[in-house]
Protein backbone atom coordinates (compact mmCIF):
# COMPACT_ATOMS: atom_id res chain seq x y z
CA MET A 1 -16.56 72.89 9.18
CA THR A 2 -15.78 70.76 12.23
CA GLN A 3 -17.96 71.50 15.27
CA GLU A 4 -17.32 70.81 18.94
CA THR A 5 -20.91 69.63 19.40
CA LEU A 6 -22.61 66.99 17.27
CA HIS A 7 -26.28 66.15 17.00
CA PHE A 8 -27.73 62.69 17.34
CA PHE A 9 -31.20 61.72 16.14
CA ARG A 10 -33.08 58.45 16.31
CA PHE A 11 -35.93 58.26 13.86
CA LYS A 12 -38.51 55.61 13.21
CA GLY A 13 -38.70 55.12 9.45
CA SER A 14 -40.32 53.09 6.72
CA PRO A 15 -39.15 52.21 3.22
CA ARG A 16 -40.94 53.87 0.33
CA GLU A 17 -42.76 51.58 -2.09
CA THR A 18 -40.01 52.34 -4.62
CA SER A 19 -37.29 51.21 -2.20
CA SER A 20 -35.53 47.91 -2.81
CA ASP A 21 -36.11 47.29 0.92
CA ALA A 22 -39.92 47.59 0.68
CA GLN A 23 -40.50 43.92 -0.18
CA LYS A 24 -38.78 42.62 2.94
CA MET A 25 -38.55 45.43 5.47
CA GLU A 26 -41.45 46.97 7.35
CA GLY A 27 -39.49 49.65 9.16
CA ALA A 28 -36.34 50.68 10.96
CA PHE A 29 -34.93 52.69 13.76
CA ILE A 30 -32.53 55.03 12.01
CA CYS A 31 -29.69 56.55 14.01
CA ALA A 32 -28.10 59.70 12.61
CA TRP A 33 -25.04 61.60 13.76
CA VAL A 34 -24.59 65.02 12.15
CA ASP A 35 -21.67 67.44 12.34
CA HIS A 36 -23.50 70.78 12.37
CA SER A 37 -23.84 73.38 15.11
CA GLU A 38 -27.54 74.13 14.54
CA GLN A 39 -29.99 71.39 15.52
CA ALA A 40 -32.64 72.28 12.92
CA ILE A 41 -30.12 72.20 10.08
CA ALA A 42 -28.57 68.99 11.42
CA GLU A 43 -32.00 67.36 11.48
CA GLN A 44 -32.65 68.41 7.89
CA ILE A 45 -29.30 66.95 6.80
CA ALA A 46 -30.26 63.66 8.46
CA ARG A 47 -33.73 63.66 6.90
CA ASP A 48 -32.25 64.39 3.45
CA GLY A 49 -29.81 61.47 3.84
CA ILE A 50 -32.66 59.15 4.80
CA SER A 51 -34.75 60.35 1.88
CA GLU A 52 -31.85 59.76 -0.53
CA ARG A 53 -31.90 56.11 0.56
CA ASP A 54 -35.59 55.91 -0.42
CA TRP A 55 -36.94 55.84 3.13
CA ASP A 56 -39.38 58.15 4.95
CA VAL A 57 -39.19 59.40 8.51
CA VAL A 58 -42.31 58.36 10.44
CA GLU A 59 -41.38 60.02 13.73
CA VAL A 60 -38.50 61.45 15.73
CA GLU A 61 -37.80 59.21 18.71
CA GLU A 62 -34.77 60.92 20.25
CA VAL A 63 -32.68 64.05 19.86
CA ALA A 64 -29.44 64.67 21.73
CA SER A 65 -26.27 66.70 21.58
CA LEU A 66 -22.90 65.19 22.31
CA SER A 67 -19.34 66.36 22.29
CA ARG A 68 -17.02 65.50 19.42
CA TYR A 69 -14.65 63.93 21.95
CA GLU A 70 -17.40 61.69 23.33
CA PHE A 71 -18.38 60.63 19.80
CA VAL A 72 -14.90 59.96 18.44
CA HIS A 73 -13.72 58.04 21.50
CA ASP A 74 -16.72 55.72 21.84
CA PRO A 75 -15.56 52.27 20.62
CA GLU A 76 -19.12 51.39 19.50
CA ARG A 77 -18.98 54.17 16.91
CA LYS A 78 -15.69 53.15 15.29
CA GLY A 79 -17.44 51.59 12.30
CA ILE A 80 -19.25 54.79 11.34
CA LEU A 81 -16.33 57.20 11.76
CA PRO A 82 -15.07 56.91 8.16
CA ARG A 83 -18.52 57.78 6.75
CA PHE A 84 -18.97 60.53 9.30
CA ASN A 85 -15.56 62.04 8.61
CA SER A 86 -16.06 62.06 4.83
CA ASP A 87 -19.72 63.16 4.65
CA GLY A 88 -20.24 65.13 7.87
CA PHE A 89 -22.99 62.72 8.88
CA ALA A 90 -23.59 59.02 9.28
CA LEU A 91 -26.75 56.91 9.25
CA THR A 92 -27.30 53.44 10.66
CA PHE A 93 -30.51 51.52 9.92
CA PHE A 94 -31.74 48.88 12.39
CA CYS A 95 -34.44 47.21 10.28
CA TRP A 96 -37.20 44.80 11.10
CA PRO A 97 -38.87 42.53 8.53
CA ARG A 98 -42.40 42.67 7.22
CA ALA A 99 -44.68 40.15 8.87
CA ASP A 100 -45.48 38.67 5.45
CA ALA A 101 -41.89 38.64 4.13
CA GLU A 102 -40.34 35.30 3.33
CA PHE A 103 -36.70 34.79 4.17
CA HIS A 104 -34.67 31.85 3.00
CA GLU A 105 -31.49 30.76 4.67
CA GLY A 106 -28.83 29.80 2.29
């Protein structure tokens, strides 16, 4: 059900040892936008989505509510709208590498 108010969360996360990201990534800031009227349920939806990607939430960094209009009309969010519209939530991971990870340009 479409809500007038959306919830935004920014989590600090880390990949589980079983994650394909664990070899190269130490952590991430994970932004979540959730289309649910209740903040506690919206947070659980976000946490479940993060868990399904084989990551753990380390801490909650930010929580905010925003209007649907504000969200839909922000040009910086255009890329996540299709996922958001189909799933009712969207996640974006901003990862940083492990200090001991080796990256090869190619």
